[in-house]
PDB file of N, CA and C in Angstrom:
ATOM      1  N   MET A   1       1.870  -8.087 -19.941  1.00  0.00           N
ATOM      2  CA  MET A   1       1.533  -8.574 -21.776  1.00  0.00           C
ATOM      3  C   MET A   1       2.635  -9.448 -21.673  1.00  0.00           C
ATOM      4  N   ALA A   2       4.218  -9.220 -21.299  1.00  0.00           N
ATOM      5  CA  ALA A   2       4.839 -10.582 -21.256  1.00  0.00           C
ATOM      6  C   ALA A   2       4.804 -11.835 -20.914  1.00  0.00           C
ATOM      7  N   CYS A   3       3.443 -12.480 -20.392  1.00  0.00           N
ATOM      8  CA  CYS A   3       3.094 -13.382 -20.112  1.00  0.00           C
ATOM      9  C   CYS A   3       2.052 -13.672 -21.084  1.00  0.00           C
ATOM     10  N   ARG A   4       1.736 -12.898 -21.961  1.00  0.00           N
ATOM     11  CA  ARG A   4       0.854 -13.263 -23.335  1.00  0.00           C
ATOM     12  C   ARG A   4       1.970 -13.523 -24.030  1.00  0.00           C
ATOM     13  N   ASP A   5       2.759 -13.022 -25.229  1.00  0.00           N
ATOM     14  CA  ASP A   5       3.346 -12.987 -25.273  1.00  0.00           C
ATOM     15  C   ASP A   5       4.731 -14.136 -26.176  1.00  0.00           C
ATOM     16  N   ASP A   6       5.183 -14.276 -24.373  1.00  0.00           N
ATOM     17  CA  ASP A   6       6.693 -15.056 -23.843  1.00  0.00           C
ATOM     18  C   ASP A   6       5.637 -16.557 -23.180  1.00  0.00           C
ATOM     19  N   GLY A   7       4.799 -16.390 -22.787  1.00  0.00           N
ATOM     20  CA  GLY A   7       4.424 -17.826 -22.078  1.00  0.00           C
ATOM     21  C   GLY A   7       4.755 -18.133 -20.738  1.00  0.00           C
ATOM     22  N   PHE A   8       4.860 -19.355 -19.923  1.00  0.00           N
ATOM     23  CA  PHE A   8       4.691 -19.340 -18.825  1.00  0.00           C
ATOM     24  C   PHE A   8       6.470 -19.049 -18.338  1.00  0.00           C
ATOM     25  N   HIS A   9       7.416 -20.200 -18.911  1.00  0.00           N
ATOM     26  CA  HIS A   9       8.694 -19.204 -18.736  1.00  0.00           C
ATOM     27  C   HIS A   9       9.403 -18.482 -18.368  1.00  0.00           C
ATOM     28  N   ALA A  10       9.669 -17.879 -19.959  1.00  0.00           N
ATOM     29  CA  ALA A  10       9.429 -16.279 -19.194  1.00  0.00           C
ATOM     30  C   ALA A  10       8.629 -15.616 -18.071  1.00  0.00           C
ATOM     31  N   ALA A  11       7.834 -15.618 -18.221  1.00  0.00           N
ATOM     32  CA  ALA A  11       7.138 -14.400 -17.196  1.00  0.00           C
ATOM     33  C   ALA A  11       7.727 -15.471 -15.852  1.00  0.00           C
ATOM     34  N   ARG A  12       8.060 -16.736 -15.772  1.00  0.00           N
ATOM     35  CA  ARG A  12       8.148 -17.057 -14.226  1.00  0.00           C
ATOM     36  C   ARG A  12       9.150 -16.572 -14.173  1.00  0.00           C
ATOM     37  N   ARG A  13      10.454 -15.929 -15.252  1.00  0.00           N
ATOM     38  CA  ARG A  13      12.390 -16.013 -15.391  1.00  0.00           C
ATOM     39  C   ARG A  13      12.304 -14.083 -14.730  1.00  0.00           C
ATOM     40  N   ARG A  14      11.192 -13.783 -15.135  1.00  0.00           N
ATOM     41  CA  ARG A  14      10.916 -12.231 -14.853  1.00  0.00           C
ATOM     42  C   ARG A  14      10.663 -12.014 -13.795  1.00  0.00           C
ATOM     43  N   LEU A  15       9.757 -12.730 -13.345  1.00  0.00           N
ATOM     44  CA  LEU A  15       9.063 -12.467 -11.763  1.00  0.00           C
ATOM     45  C   LEU A  15       9.669 -13.152 -10.613  1.00  0.00           C
ATOM     46  N   ARG A  16      11.474 -14.527 -11.129  1.00  0.00           N
ATOM     47  CA  ARG A  16      12.092 -14.399 -10.575  1.00  0.00           C
ATOM     48  C   ARG A  16      13.324 -12.827 -10.459  1.00  0.00           C
ATOM     49  N   GLU A  17      13.489 -12.119 -11.658  1.00  0.00           N
ATOM     50  CA  GLU A  17      14.428 -11.366 -11.445  1.00  0.00           C
ATOM     51  C   GLU A  17      14.075 -10.058 -10.929  1.00  0.00           C
ATOM     52  N   LEU A  18      12.604 -10.212 -11.260  1.00  0.00           N
ATOM     53  CA  LEU A  18      12.241  -8.670 -10.417  1.00  0.00           C
ATOM     54  C   LEU A  18      12.131  -9.270  -8.882  1.00  0.00           C
ATOM     55  N   LEU A  19      12.065 -10.422  -8.378  1.00  0.00           N
ATOM     56  CA  LEU A  19      12.863 -10.599  -7.259  1.00  0.00           C
ATOM     57  C   LEU A  19      13.040 -10.686  -6.832  1.00  0.00           C
ATOM     58  N   ASP A  20      14.178 -10.514  -7.481  1.00  0.00           N
ATOM     59  CA  ASP A  20      15.835 -11.147  -6.830  1.00  0.00           C
ATOM     60  C   ASP A  20      16.133  -9.721  -6.171  1.00  0.00           C
ATOM     61  N   LYS A  21      16.076  -9.311  -8.053  1.00  0.00           N
ATOM     62  CA  LYS A  21      16.601  -7.406  -7.398  1.00  0.00           C
ATOM     63  C   LYS A  21      16.377  -6.371  -6.858  1.00  0.00           C
ATOM     64  N   TYR A  22      14.805  -6.622  -6.518  1.00  0.00           N
ATOM     65  CA  TYR A  22      14.322  -5.822  -5.802  1.00  0.00           C
ATOM     66  C   TYR A  22      13.739  -6.360  -4.227  1.00  0.00           C
ATOM     67  N   GLY A  23      14.546  -7.536  -4.270  1.00  0.00           N
ATOM     68  CA  GLY A  23      14.077  -8.449  -2.878  1.00  0.00           C
ATOM     69  C   GLY A  23      13.299  -8.305  -2.352  1.00  0.00           C
ATOM     70  N   LEU A  24      12.071  -8.662  -2.560  1.00  0.00           N
ATOM     71  CA  LEU A  24      11.133  -8.589  -2.622  1.00  0.00           C
ATOM     72  C   LEU A  24      10.262  -9.880  -1.790  1.00  0.00           C
ATOM     73  N   ALA A  25       9.512 -10.182  -1.297  1.00  0.00           N
ATOM     74  CA  ALA A  25       8.997 -11.380  -0.600  1.00  0.00           C
ATOM     75  C   ALA A  25       7.567 -11.063  -1.552  1.00  0.00           C
ATOM     76  N   GLY A  26       6.646 -12.425  -1.557  1.00  0.00           N
ATOM     77  CA  GLY A  26       5.742 -13.393  -2.669  1.00  0.00           C
ATOM     78  C   GLY A  26       4.884 -12.293  -2.403  1.00  0.00           C
ATOM     79  N   THR A  27       4.355 -11.871  -0.593  1.00  0.00           N
ATOM     80  CA  THR A  27       3.401 -11.315  -0.945  1.00  0.00           C
ATOM     81  C   THR A  27       3.249  -9.578  -0.976  1.00  0.00           C
ATOM     82  N   ASP A  28       4.657  -9.665  -0.841  1.00  0.00           N
ATOM     83  CA  ASP A  28       5.222  -7.847  -1.535  1.00  0.00           C
ATOM     84  C   ASP A  28       4.434  -7.806  -3.106  1.00  0.00           C
ATOM     85  N   PHE A  29       5.349  -8.445  -3.460  1.00  0.00           N
ATOM     86  CA  PHE A  29       4.970  -8.483  -5.255  1.00  0.00           C
ATOM     87  C   PHE A  29       3.101  -9.072  -5.264  1.00  0.00           C
ATOM     88  N   VAL A  30       2.172  -9.924  -5.016  1.00  0.00           N
ATOM     89  CA  VAL A  30       1.195  -9.943  -4.627  1.00  0.00           C
ATOM     90  C   VAL A  30       0.297  -8.678  -4.525  1.00  0.00           C
ATOM     91  N   ASN A  31       0.794  -8.032  -3.798  1.00  0.00           N
ATOM     92  CA  ASN A  31       0.255  -6.929  -3.017  1.00  0.00           C
ATOM     93  C   ASN A  31       0.651  -5.751  -3.938  1.00  0.00           C
ATOM     94  N   GLN A  32       2.110  -5.287  -4.623  1.00  0.00           N
ATOM     95  CA  GLN A  32       2.249  -3.974  -5.512  1.00  0.00           C
ATOM     96  C   GLN A  32       1.529  -4.616  -7.245  1.00  0.00           C
ATOM     97  N   LEU A  33       1.457  -6.429  -7.610  1.00  0.00           N
ATOM     98  CA  LEU A  33       1.020  -6.844  -8.319  1.00  0.00           C
ATOM     99  C   LEU A  33      -0.662  -5.711  -7.829  1.00  0.00           C
ATOM    100  N   HIS A  34      -1.919  -6.450  -7.219  1.00  0.00           N
ATOM    101  CA  HIS A  34      -2.968  -5.694  -7.122  1.00  0.00           C
ATOM    102  C   HIS A  34      -3.036  -3.788  -7.145  1.00  0.00           C
ATOM    103  N   ARG A  35      -1.944  -3.565  -6.474  1.00  0.00           N
ATOM    104  CA  ARG A  35      -1.999  -2.059  -6.874  1.00  0.00           C
ATOM    105  C   ARG A  35      -1.945  -2.031  -8.192  1.00  0.00           C
ATOM    106  N   GLU A  36      -1.246  -2.301  -9.164  1.00  0.00           N
ATOM    107  CA  GLU A  36      -0.757  -1.771 -10.709  1.00  0.00           C
ATOM    108  C   GLU A  36      -2.525  -2.628 -10.976  1.00  0.00           C
ATOM    109  N   LEU A  37      -3.091  -3.655 -10.760  1.00  0.00           N
ATOM    110  CA  LEU A  37      -4.015  -3.869 -12.241  1.00  0.00           C
ATOM    111  C   LEU A  37      -5.104  -3.651 -11.908  1.00  0.00           C
ATOM    112  N   TYR A  38      -5.266  -1.935 -11.540  1.00  0.00           N
ATOM    113  CA  TYR A  38      -6.454  -1.026 -11.979  1.00  0.00           C
ATOM    114  C   TYR A  38      -6.614  -0.136 -13.268  1.00  0.00           C
ATOM    115  N   SER A  39      -5.025   0.109 -12.844  1.00  0.00           N
ATOM    116  CA  SER A  39      -4.376   0.597 -14.599  1.00  0.00           C
ATOM    117  C   SER A  39      -4.264  -0.270 -15.669  1.00  0.00           C
ATOM    118  N   ALA A  40      -4.828  -1.165 -16.179  1.00  0.00           N
ATOM    119  CA  ALA A  40      -4.040  -2.205 -16.870  1.00  0.00           C
ATOM    120  C   ALA A  40      -5.140  -1.500 -18.033  1.00  0.00           C
ATOM    121  N   ASP A  41      -4.536  -0.676 -18.934  1.00  0.00           N
ATOM    122  CA  ASP A  41      -6.052  -0.881 -19.443  1.00  0.00           C
ATOM    123  C   ASP A  41      -6.296  -1.296 -20.253  1.00  0.00           C
ATOM    124  N   PHE A  42      -5.376  -2.774 -20.577  1.00  0.00           N
ATOM    125  CA  PHE A  42      -5.280  -3.584 -21.997  1.00  0.00           C
ATOM    126  C   PHE A  42      -6.358  -5.003 -20.777  1.00  0.00           C
ATOM    127  N   LEU A  43      -6.817  -5.053 -19.784  1.00  0.00           N
ATOM    128  CA  LEU A  43      -7.520  -6.089 -19.225  1.00  0.00           C
ATOM    129  C   LEU A  43      -9.263  -5.835 -19.095  1.00  0.00           C
ATOM    130  N   SER A  44      -9.777  -6.406 -19.448  1.00  0.00           N
ATOM    131  CA  SER A  44     -12.096  -6.040 -19.144  1.00  0.00           C
ATOM    132  C   SER A  44     -11.759  -6.339 -17.602  1.00  0.00           C
ATOM    133  N   GLU A  45     -13.005  -5.519 -16.786  1.00  0.00           N
ATOM    134  CA  GLU A  45     -13.201  -5.052 -15.751  1.00  0.00           C
ATOM    135  C   GLU A  45     -13.261  -6.797 -15.181  1.00  0.00           C
ATOM    136  N   GLU A  46     -14.050  -8.408 -15.572  1.00  0.00           N
ATOM    137  CA  GLU A  46     -13.999  -9.501 -15.590  1.00  0.00           C
ATOM    138  C   GLU A  46     -12.494 -10.019 -15.296  1.00  0.00           C
ATOM    139  N   SER A  47     -11.945  -9.762 -16.006  1.00  0.00           N
ATOM    140  CA  SER A  47     -10.489 -10.166 -15.984  1.00  0.00           C
ATOM    141  C   SER A  47     -10.231 -10.052 -15.041  1.00  0.00           C
ATOM    142  N   LYS A  48     -10.218  -7.986 -14.434  1.00  0.00           N
ATOM    143  CA  LYS A  48      -9.067  -7.586 -13.432  1.00  0.00           C
ATOM    144  C   LYS A  48     -10.034  -8.515 -12.020  1.00  0.00           C
ATOM    145  N   LEU A  49     -11.432  -8.820 -11.772  1.00  0.00           N
ATOM    146  CA  LEU A  49     -12.373  -9.078 -10.718  1.00  0.00           C
ATOM    147  C   LEU A  49     -11.522 -10.763 -11.340  1.00  0.00           C
ATOM    148  N   ASP A  50     -11.725 -11.281 -11.436  1.00  0.00           N
ATOM    149  CA  ASP A  50     -10.456 -13.172 -11.756  1.00  0.00           C
ATOM    150  C   ASP A  50      -9.613 -12.973 -11.203  1.00  0.00           C
ATOM    151  N   LEU A  51      -8.581 -11.658 -11.698  1.00  0.00           N
ATOM    152  CA  LEU A  51      -7.008 -11.730 -11.443  1.00  0.00           C
ATOM    153  C   LEU A  51      -7.631 -11.077 -10.022  1.00  0.00           C
ATOM    154  N   THR A  52      -7.723 -10.483  -9.377  1.00  0.00           N
ATOM    155  CA  THR A  52      -8.243 -10.119  -8.221  1.00  0.00           C
ATOM    156  C   THR A  52      -8.486 -11.335  -6.979  1.00  0.00           C
ATOM    157  N   GLU A  53      -9.428 -12.298  -7.370  1.00  0.00           N
ATOM    158  CA  GLU A  53      -9.401 -13.754  -6.427  1.00  0.00           C
ATOM    159  C   GLU A  53      -8.317 -14.358  -6.342  1.00  0.00           C
ATOM    160  N   TRP A  54      -7.904 -14.635  -8.178  1.00  0.00           N
ATOM    161  CA  TRP A  54      -6.634 -15.733  -7.689  1.00  0.00           C
ATOM    162  C   TRP A  54      -5.513 -14.663  -6.607  1.00  0.00           C
ATOM    163  N   MET A  55      -5.176 -13.635  -6.967  1.00  0.00           N
ATOM    164  CA  MET A  55      -4.087 -13.334  -5.870  1.00  0.00           C
ATOM    165  C   MET A  55      -4.448 -13.233  -4.286  1.00  0.00           C
ATOM    166  N   ALA A  56      -5.814 -12.740  -4.044  1.00  0.00           N
ATOM    167  CA  ALA A  56      -6.226 -12.835  -2.643  1.00  0.00           C
ATOM    168  C   ALA A  56      -6.045 -14.585  -2.612  1.00  0.00           C
ATOM    169  N   GLU A  57      -6.692 -15.585  -3.009  1.00  0.00           N
ATOM    170  CA  GLU A  57      -5.680 -16.587  -2.565  1.00  0.00           C
ATOM    171  C   GLU A  57      -4.608 -17.405  -2.587  1.00  0.00           C
ATOM    172  N   VAL A  58      -3.882 -17.115  -3.277  1.00  0.00           N
ATOM    173  CA  VAL A  58      -2.261 -16.811  -3.452  1.00  0.00           C
ATOM    174  C   VAL A  58      -1.962 -16.036  -2.046  1.00  0.00           C
ATOM    175  N   ASP A  59      -2.607 -15.075  -2.118  1.00  0.00           N
ATOM    176  CA  ASP A  59      -2.102 -13.960  -0.820  1.00  0.00           C
ATOM    177  C   ASP A  59      -1.834 -14.831   0.685  1.00  0.00           C
ATOM    178  N   TYR A  60      -3.666 -15.644   0.373  1.00  0.00           N
ATOM    179  CA  TYR A  60      -3.692 -15.909   1.885  1.00  0.00           C
ATOM    180  C   TYR A  60      -2.874 -17.360   2.099  1.00  0.00           C
ATOM    181  N   ARG A  61      -3.011 -18.089   0.793  1.00  0.00           N
ATOM    182  CA  ARG A  61      -1.965 -19.180   1.400  1.00  0.00           C
ATOM    183  C   ARG A  61      -0.185 -18.562   1.556  1.00  0.00           C
ATOM    184  N   LEU A  62       0.065 -17.916   1.018  1.00  0.00           N
ATOM    185  CA  LEU A  62       1.258 -17.294   1.312  1.00  0.00           C
ATOM    186  C   LEU A  62       1.134 -16.840   3.035  1.00  0.00           C
ATOM    187  N   VAL A  63       0.361 -16.016   3.292  1.00  0.00           N
ATOM    188  CA  VAL A  63       0.387 -15.782   4.831  1.00  0.00           C
ATOM    189  C   VAL A  63       0.549 -17.190   5.920  1.00  0.00           C
ATOM    190  N   GLU A  64      -0.596 -18.472   4.986  1.00  0.00           N
ATOM    191  CA  GLU A  64      -0.307 -19.115   5.750  1.00  0.00           C
ATOM    192  C   GLU A  64       0.622 -19.718   5.896  1.00  0.00           C
ATOM    193  N   GLY A  65       1.625 -19.817   5.080  1.00  0.00           N
ATOM    194  CA  GLY A  65       3.139 -21.019   4.850  1.00  0.00           C
ATOM    195  C   GLY A  65       3.409 -21.709   3.921  1.00  0.00           C
ATOM    196  N   GLY A  66       2.320 -21.322   2.771  1.00  0.00           N
ATOM    197  CA  GLY A  66       2.438 -21.891   1.634  1.00  0.00           C
ATOM    198  C   GLY A  66       3.889 -21.620   1.065  1.00  0.00           C
ATOM    199  N   GLY A  67       4.592 -22.779   0.146  1.00  0.00           N
ATOM    200  CA  GLY A  67       5.784 -22.627  -0.517  1.00  0.00           C
ATOM    201  C   GLY A  67       5.423 -20.730  -1.454  1.00  0.00           C
ATOM    202  N   GLU A  68       6.599 -20.555  -1.296  1.00  0.00           N
ATOM    203  CA  GLU A  68       6.842 -18.984  -2.018  1.00  0.00           C
ATOM    204  C   GLU A  68       6.294 -19.387  -3.525  1.00  0.00           C
ATOM    205  N   GLN A  69       7.736 -20.906  -3.868  1.00  0.00           N
ATOM    206  CA  GLN A  69       8.088 -20.300  -5.506  1.00  0.00           C
ATOM    207  C   GLN A  69       6.782 -21.247  -6.124  1.00  0.00           C
ATOM    208  N   ILE A  70       6.456 -21.924  -4.909  1.00  0.00           N
ATOM    209  CA  ILE A  70       5.209 -22.382  -5.907  1.00  0.00           C
ATOM    210  C   ILE A  70       3.771 -21.908  -5.490  1.00  0.00           C
ATOM    211  N   GLN A  71       3.436 -21.100  -4.791  1.00  0.00           N
ATOM    212  CA  GLN A  71       2.481 -20.305  -5.587  1.00  0.00           C
ATOM    213  C   GLN A  71       2.208 -19.122  -5.834  1.00  0.00           C
ATOM    214  N   LEU A  72       3.621 -18.434  -6.394  1.00  0.00           N
ATOM    215  CA  LEU A  72       3.894 -17.543  -7.612  1.00  0.00           C
ATOM    216  C   LEU A  72       4.013 -18.459  -9.065  1.00  0.00           C
ATOM    217  N   ASP A  73       4.251 -19.214  -8.770  1.00  0.00           N
ATOM    218  CA  ASP A  73       3.941 -20.246 -10.191  1.00  0.00           C
ATOM    219  C   ASP A  73       3.020 -20.473 -10.650  1.00  0.00           C
ATOM    220  N   ALA A  74       1.887 -20.679  -9.546  1.00  0.00           N
ATOM    221  CA  ALA A  74       0.479 -20.873  -9.668  1.00  0.00           C
ATOM    222  C   ALA A  74      -0.132 -20.117 -10.499  1.00  0.00           C
ATOM    223  N   LEU A  75       0.139 -18.577  -9.492  1.00  0.00           N
ATOM    224  CA  LEU A  75      -0.174 -17.303 -10.349  1.00  0.00           C
ATOM    225  C   LEU A  75       0.143 -16.917 -11.677  1.00  0.00           C
ATOM    226  N   THR A  76       1.358 -17.206 -11.948  1.00  0.00           N
ATOM    227  CA  THR A  76       1.735 -16.741 -13.023  1.00  0.00           C
ATOM    228  C   THR A  76       1.277 -17.985 -13.991  1.00  0.00           C
ATOM    229  N   ALA A  77       1.150 -19.120 -13.901  1.00  0.00           N
ATOM    230  CA  ALA A  77       0.636 -19.858 -14.654  1.00  0.00           C
ATOM    231  C   ALA A  77      -0.799 -19.491 -14.664  1.00  0.00           C
ATOM    232  N   ARG A  78      -1.830 -19.259 -13.506  1.00  0.00           N
ATOM    233  CA  ARG A  78      -2.958 -18.692 -14.397  1.00  0.00           C
ATOM    234  C   ARG A  78      -3.048 -17.269 -15.020  1.00  0.00           C
ATOM    235  N   LEU A  79      -2.344 -16.405 -14.942  1.00  0.00           N
ATOM    236  CA  LEU A  79      -2.138 -14.886 -15.695  1.00  0.00           C
ATOM    237  C   LEU A  79      -1.763 -15.224 -17.275  1.00  0.00           C
ATOM    238  N   VAL A  80      -0.777 -17.168 -17.572  1.00  0.00           N
ATOM    239  CA  VAL A  80      -0.554 -16.808 -19.005  1.00  0.00           C
ATOM    240  C   VAL A  80      -1.480 -17.138 -19.346  1.00  0.00           C
ATOM    241  N   THR A  81      -2.028 -18.585 -18.766  1.00  0.00           N
ATOM    242  CA  THR A  81      -3.744 -18.970 -19.054  1.00  0.00           C
ATOM    243  C   THR A  81      -4.688 -17.945 -19.698  1.00  0.00           C
ATOM    244  N   HIS A  82      -4.473 -17.058 -18.952  1.00  0.00           N
ATOM    245  CA  HIS A  82      -6.151 -16.156 -18.673  1.00  0.00           C
ATOM    246  C   HIS A  82      -5.841 -15.047 -20.108  1.00  0.00           C
ATOM    247  N   LEU A  83      -4.421 -14.943 -19.981  1.00  0.00           N
ATOM    248  CA  LEU A  83      -4.161 -13.424 -21.081  1.00  0.00           C
ATOM    249  C   LEU A  83      -4.027 -13.880 -22.154  1.00  0.00           C
ATOM    250  N   LYS A  84      -3.842 -15.808 -22.677  1.00  0.00           N
ATOM    251  CA  LYS A  84      -3.581 -16.398 -24.196  1.00  0.00           C
ATOM    252  C   LYS A  84      -5.183 -16.446 -24.941  1.00  0.00           C
ATOM    253  N   GLN A  85      -6.176 -15.960 -23.414  1.00  0.00           N
ATOM    254  CA  GLN A  85      -7.254 -16.208 -24.625  1.00  0.00           C
ATOM    255  C   GLN A  85      -7.397 -15.824 -25.241  1.00  0.00           C
TER     256      GLN A  85
END
């Protein structure tokens, strides 16, 4: 919900805080986000499908050696854009 209300920069800052606080790798965060996605009552089934595709793409790129920060920023940007619609 913070993505929708506060925008990209706030969401990005909160993501960095979570990763630092809990010592998570990017793939760990994406996997946890995926587990929590289906309990999000405020999202339609179509939105959940779109988000799952985006998370799979980001996870693949992270595993293949893509830069963690840029991949997570791209996912955050997509989330913010999608939720603001």
